[in-house]
Amino acid sequence: MISTDRITVQGLRTSVLVGGEGRPGEAVLFVHGNPDAGSDWMPLLTRVGRYARVIAPDLPGFGAADERPAGDYSVDTYARFVHGVVEHYGLTRVHIVGHDFGGPFAASWVADHPGAAASLTFLNTGVLVGYRWHRMARIWRTPLLGELSMRALNPRLAAAALARENPGLPPQWVQIISGHLLPPKTRRAVLRLYRSARSGDMDALAARLREADLDALVVFGDADAYLPADLASRQVEVFPRAQVHVLPGVGHWCWLEQPDLVAGHLAGFLRERLG
């Protein structure tokens, strides 16, 4: 049974999906990326919730979460928000799962709180050392051009672009995910998030995480239109003990295209580490 909490973190109201059962203080925490919401994790929440407590918040500017009045949407700021969720639920042992920008958010939180991080799972994401921005990211990072692209966006164009770049994504998820990008607060959050990234951020993060030597799982669809598949194997440079599974022909939202397959990899990894 998955339910929705409304909580306040750092003065911002947000929605959090919660469910499952587990040891007190332990949970699997799902961290979404751009332009997603916590509800996009539902295919995994229902499966993982059979054997663990699960938590999936909406992050500032996305889904049902407030936007930040000050406009700070850096990776470190999102990591601090994640920590606020961890504190709210009294978690001391966290298995964190990240996708897209949620990977750097999650990894940044782990670097700051290695003692609370029981494991780290990346789904089509990771510590993106040397990553080169995809076409839309370059547009969003460019002043004025990014604003013009957001202003021109409409439901039909957003859905058509997403479907073209993600042919394996089920039509209902094309509509849901493209719809996430339409609220003005989310458009503003996306521009500020992408423009906040600085060269060298990932190198510094990688150096901190190598020292922690954490248990990690990487599941990566090799037909990702935004992140090259070689980033999957490169995660072992940061997490030497990482388990890596590359899914042929699967796109960026791997768990929405292949929920049972991804949930199976996740179950095999988490069941050995829960408790």
Protein backbone atom coordinates (compact mmCIF):
# COMPACT_ATOMS: atom_id res chain seq x y z
CA MET A 1 0.00 0.00 0.00
CA ILE A 2 1.48 3.33 -1.11
CA SER A 3 0.14 6.52 0.48
CA THR A 4 0.94 10.24 0.14
CA ASP A 5 2.29 12.47 2.91
CA ARG A 6 2.36 16.26 2.77
CA ILE A 7 5.40 17.48 4.69
CA THR A 8 7.50 20.63 5.05
CA VAL A 9 11.24 20.50 4.40
CA GLN A 10 13.42 23.62 4.59
CA GLY A 11 10.25 25.72 4.65
CA LEU A 12 8.95 24.14 1.42
CA ARG A 13 5.81 22.02 1.19
CA THR A 14 6.07 18.81 -0.79
CA SER A 15 4.37 15.46 -1.38
CA VAL A 16 6.06 12.17 -0.48
CA LEU A 17 4.95 8.68 -1.48
CA VAL A 18 5.53 6.19 1.34
CA GLY A 19 4.80 2.51 1.77
CA GLY A 20 6.11 -0.93 2.60
CA GLU A 21 7.54 -2.19 5.85
CA GLY A 22 11.04 -2.63 7.21
CA ARG A 23 13.28 -2.17 10.19
CA PRO A 24 12.85 1.13 12.06
CA GLY A 25 15.13 3.79 10.61
CA GLU A 26 15.78 1.93 7.36
CA ALA A 27 14.22 2.67 3.95
CA VAL A 28 14.79 2.75 0.22
CA LEU A 29 14.71 6.42 -0.80
CA PHE A 30 13.96 7.21 -4.46
CA VAL A 31 15.31 10.50 -5.88
CA HIS A 32 13.87 11.64 -9.21
CA GLY A 33 15.51 13.80 -11.86
CA ASN A 34 14.34 16.20 -14.57
CA PRO A 35 11.47 16.74 -15.26
CA ASP A 36 10.08 13.97 -13.09
CA ALA A 37 8.10 13.60 -9.87
CA GLY A 38 8.03 11.04 -7.09
CA SER A 39 4.97 9.39 -8.63
CA ASP A 40 7.05 8.25 -11.62
CA TRP A 41 8.66 5.71 -9.28
CA MET A 42 5.34 3.94 -8.69
CA PRO A 43 6.19 0.84 -10.81
CA LEU A 44 9.19 0.26 -8.53
CA LEU A 45 7.58 1.44 -5.29
CA THR A 46 4.88 -1.22 -5.53
CA ARG A 47 7.46 -3.95 -6.20
CA VAL A 48 10.18 -2.90 -3.73
CA GLY A 49 7.50 -2.11 -1.14
CA ARG A 50 6.81 -5.84 -0.88
CA TYR A 51 10.05 -6.35 1.06
CA ALA A 52 11.19 -2.87 2.20
CA ARG A 53 9.98 0.52 3.33
CA VAL A 54 9.94 2.92 0.37
CA ILE A 55 9.94 6.73 0.23
CA ALA A 56 9.74 8.94 -2.88
CA PRO A 57 9.54 12.74 -2.49
CA ASP A 58 8.80 15.44 -5.02
CA LEU A 59 11.83 17.73 -5.16
CA PRO A 60 11.62 21.56 -5.13
CA GLY A 61 10.18 22.97 -8.34
CA PHE A 62 8.89 19.58 -9.51
CA GLY A 63 5.63 17.71 -9.08
CA ALA A 64 3.64 18.90 -6.06
CA ALA A 65 6.63 20.54 -4.34
CA ASP A 66 6.96 24.28 -3.83
CA GLU A 67 9.58 26.15 -5.80
CA ARG A 68 12.43 27.91 -4.05
CA PRO A 69 11.76 31.65 -3.75
CA ALA A 70 15.50 32.38 -3.79
CA GLY A 71 15.99 30.32 -6.95
CA ASP A 72 18.87 28.15 -5.68
CA TYR A 73 18.62 24.86 -7.59
CA SER A 74 22.18 23.54 -7.36
CA VAL A 75 23.04 19.87 -6.86
CA ASP A 76 24.25 20.58 -3.32
CA THR A 77 21.02 22.39 -2.47
CA TYR A 78 18.96 19.42 -3.68
CA ALA A 79 21.19 17.10 -1.62
CA ARG A 80 20.40 19.16 1.47
CA PHE A 81 16.69 18.86 0.69
CA VAL A 82 17.10 15.08 0.43
CA HIS A 83 18.72 15.17 3.86
CA GLY A 84 15.71 17.07 5.17
CA VAL A 85 13.48 14.21 3.98
CA VAL A 86 15.81 11.69 5.64
CA GLU A 87 15.61 13.59 8.92
CA HIS A 88 11.83 13.99 8.71
CA TYR A 89 11.36 10.22 8.54
CA GLY A 90 14.03 9.49 11.13
CA LEU A 91 16.16 7.40 8.78
CA THR A 92 19.58 6.20 9.91
CA ARG A 93 20.17 3.55 7.23
CA VAL A 94 19.27 4.62 3.69
CA HIS A 95 19.36 2.68 0.42
CA ILE A 96 19.18 5.51 -2.08
CA VAL A 97 18.04 5.14 -5.71
CA GLY A 98 18.57 7.97 -8.21
CA HIS A 99 17.71 8.64 -11.85
CA ASP A 100 18.85 11.40 -14.23
CA PHE A 101 19.81 14.49 -12.17
CA GLY A 102 18.64 12.52 -9.15
CA GLY A 103 21.89 10.57 -9.45
CA PRO A 104 24.12 13.57 -8.68
CA PHE A 105 21.62 14.73 -6.02
CA ALA A 106 21.79 11.30 -4.37
CA ALA A 107 25.55 10.98 -4.74
CA SER A 108 26.09 14.42 -3.22
CA TRP A 109 23.95 13.45 -0.23
CA VAL A 110 25.90 10.18 0.12
CA ALA A 111 29.22 12.06 0.06
CA ASP A 112 28.01 14.26 2.92
CA HIS A 113 26.48 11.37 4.92
CA PRO A 114 28.42 8.17 4.12
CA GLY A 115 27.60 6.69 7.52
CA ALA A 116 23.86 6.78 6.78
CA ALA A 117 24.17 5.46 3.22
CA ALA A 118 23.70 1.68 3.19
CA SER A 119 23.79 1.44 -0.63
CA LEU A 120 23.48 3.54 -3.77
CA THR A 121 21.63 2.61 -6.97
CA PHE A 122 21.89 4.52 -10.24
CA LEU A 123 19.26 4.07 -12.98
CA ASN A 124 20.54 5.70 -16.18
CA THR A 125 22.63 8.13 -14.21
CA GLY A 126 25.69 8.23 -11.99
CA VAL A 127 28.61 10.44 -11.07
CA LEU A 128 28.91 11.98 -14.52
CA VAL A 129 32.62 12.76 -14.79
CA GLY A 130 33.44 14.09 -18.24
CA TYR A 131 29.80 14.16 -19.38
CA ARG A 132 28.99 16.46 -22.30
CA TRP A 133 25.57 18.13 -22.25
CA HIS A 134 22.89 16.85 -24.62
CA ARG A 135 21.28 19.21 -27.14
CA MET A 136 18.37 20.41 -24.99
CA ALA A 137 20.64 20.83 -21.98
CA ARG A 138 22.89 23.13 -24.01
CA ILE A 139 19.84 25.19 -24.98
CA TRP A 140 18.60 25.39 -21.38
CA ARG A 141 22.04 26.47 -20.18
CA THR A 142 22.10 29.38 -22.66
CA PRO A 143 20.56 32.65 -21.38
CA LEU A 144 17.63 33.93 -23.42
CA LEU A 145 17.68 30.87 -25.72
CA GLY A 146 16.64 28.69 -22.81
CA GLU A 147 13.81 31.05 -21.87
CA LEU A 148 12.59 31.17 -25.47
CA SER A 149 12.59 27.38 -25.73
CA MET A 150 10.55 27.08 -22.53
CA ARG A 151 8.11 29.74 -23.67
CA ALA A 152 7.55 27.91 -26.97
CA LEU A 153 6.85 24.61 -25.25
CA ASN A 154 3.31 23.24 -25.38
CA PRO A 155 1.79 19.83 -24.56
CA ARG A 156 1.83 18.58 -28.14
CA LEU A 157 5.43 19.59 -28.84
CA ALA A 158 6.67 18.27 -25.51
CA ALA A 159 5.01 14.87 -26.00
CA ALA A 160 6.17 14.58 -29.61
CA ALA A 161 9.80 15.34 -28.73
CA LEU A 162 9.80 12.92 -25.81
CA ALA A 163 8.25 10.11 -27.88
CA ARG A 164 10.74 10.66 -30.71
CA GLU A 165 13.73 10.47 -28.36
CA ASN A 166 12.31 7.58 -26.31
CA PRO A 167 10.56 5.18 -28.71
CA GLY A 168 10.39 2.43 -26.07
CA LEU A 169 8.57 4.57 -23.52
CA PRO A 170 4.90 3.54 -23.16
CA PRO A 171 2.50 6.19 -24.50
CA GLN A 172 0.89 6.83 -21.12
CA TRP A 173 4.30 7.63 -19.64
CA VAL A 174 5.13 9.90 -22.57
CA GLN A 175 2.09 11.98 -21.66
CA ILE A 176 2.87 11.97 -17.93
CA ILE A 177 6.56 12.86 -18.20
CA SER A 178 6.13 15.50 -20.89
CA GLY A 179 3.36 17.01 -18.78
CA HIS A 180 5.75 17.41 -15.86
CA LEU A 181 7.66 20.05 -17.80
CA LEU A 182 4.67 22.31 -18.46
CA PRO A 183 4.13 24.14 -15.11
CA PRO A 184 5.97 27.50 -15.05
CA LYS A 185 7.66 26.68 -11.73
CA THR A 186 9.20 23.55 -13.26
CA ARG A 187 10.41 25.39 -16.35
CA ARG A 188 12.13 27.91 -14.09
CA ALA A 189 13.61 25.14 -11.92
CA VAL A 190 15.01 23.32 -14.95
CA LEU A 191 16.76 26.41 -16.32
CA ARG A 192 18.27 27.27 -12.94
CA LEU A 193 19.31 23.67 -12.26
CA TYR A 194 21.13 23.24 -15.55
CA ARG A 195 22.79 26.64 -15.28
CA SER A 196 23.97 25.99 -11.74
CA ALA A 197 26.26 23.12 -12.81
CA ARG A 198 29.95 24.06 -12.87
CA SER A 199 32.91 22.38 -14.53
CA GLY A 200 34.77 20.28 -12.03
CA ASP A 201 31.77 19.60 -9.77
CA MET A 202 31.63 15.93 -10.69
CA ASP A 203 35.40 15.47 -10.35
CA ALA A 204 35.30 16.81 -6.80
CA LEU A 205 32.29 14.63 -5.97
CA ALA A 206 33.95 11.54 -7.42
CA ALA A 207 37.06 12.07 -5.30
CA ARG A 208 34.99 12.19 -2.12
CA LEU A 209 32.98 9.08 -3.02
CA ARG A 210 36.02 6.96 -3.92
CA GLU A 211 37.12 7.23 -0.31
CA ALA A 212 33.75 5.95 0.93
CA ASP A 213 33.96 2.77 -1.26
CA LEU A 214 30.19 2.24 -1.11
CA ASP A 215 28.08 -0.66 -2.34
CA ALA A 216 26.60 0.45 -5.64
CA LEU A 217 24.29 -0.88 -8.35
CA VAL A 218 24.14 0.57 -11.86
CA VAL A 219 21.28 -0.29 -14.24
CA PHE A 220 21.53 1.50 -17.57
CA GLY A 221 19.51 1.33 -20.79
CA ASP A 222 21.95 1.58 -23.67
CA ALA A 223 19.48 3.41 -25.95
CA ASP A 224 19.50 6.52 -23.75
CA ALA A 225 19.07 9.66 -25.87
CA TYR A 226 20.67 11.91 -23.25
CA LEU A 227 23.40 9.94 -21.44
CA PRO A 228 25.88 7.73 -23.35
CA ALA A 229 25.90 4.11 -22.22
CA ASP A 230 29.66 4.10 -21.54
CA LEU A 231 28.87 6.12 -18.42
CA ALA A 232 27.53 2.90 -16.88
CA SER A 233 30.87 1.07 -16.88
CA ARG A 234 32.69 4.24 -15.84
CA GLN A 235 30.93 4.18 -12.48
CA VAL A 236 33.41 1.53 -11.30
CA GLU A 237 36.05 4.27 -11.39
CA VAL A 238 34.18 5.85 -8.49
CA PHE A 239 32.61 2.74 -6.96
CA PRO A 240 35.07 -0.14 -7.49
CA ARG A 241 32.61 -2.72 -6.12
CA ALA A 242 29.69 -1.56 -8.29
CA GLN A 243 27.46 -4.11 -9.99
CA VAL A 244 26.71 -2.94 -13.53
CA HIS A 245 23.80 -4.14 -15.71
CA VAL A 246 23.40 -2.69 -19.22
CA LEU A 247 19.99 -3.23 -20.81
CA PRO A 248 20.15 -3.51 -24.62
CA GLY A 249 17.67 -1.37 -26.53
CA VAL A 250 16.22 0.28 -23.41
CA GLY A 251 16.03 4.05 -23.07
CA HIS A 252 16.49 6.73 -20.43
CA TRP A 253 13.53 5.77 -18.20
CA CYS A 254 14.63 2.15 -17.98
CA TRP A 255 12.25 1.11 -15.17
CA LEU A 256 9.23 2.47 -17.05
CA GLU A 257 10.15 0.50 -20.17
CA GLN A 258 11.15 -2.69 -18.33
CA PRO A 259 9.73 -2.52 -14.79
CA ASP A 260 10.02 -6.23 -13.98
CA LEU A 261 13.58 -6.50 -15.28
CA VAL A 262 14.80 -3.43 -13.41
CA ALA A 263 12.91 -4.43 -10.25
CA GLY A 264 14.57 -7.84 -10.45
CA HIS A 265 18.07 -6.35 -10.54
CA LEU A 266 17.12 -4.03 -7.70
CA ALA A 267 15.66 -6.84 -5.59
CA GLY A 268 18.75 -9.00 -6.01
CA PHE A 269 20.91 -6.11 -4.86
CA LEU A 270 18.77 -4.75 -2.03
CA ARG A 271 17.67 -8.02 -0.42
CA GLU A 272 21.31 -8.83 0.41
CA ARG A 273 21.76 -5.44 2.09
CA LEU A 274 18.47 -4.67 3.82
CA GLY A 275 18.73 -5.09 7.56
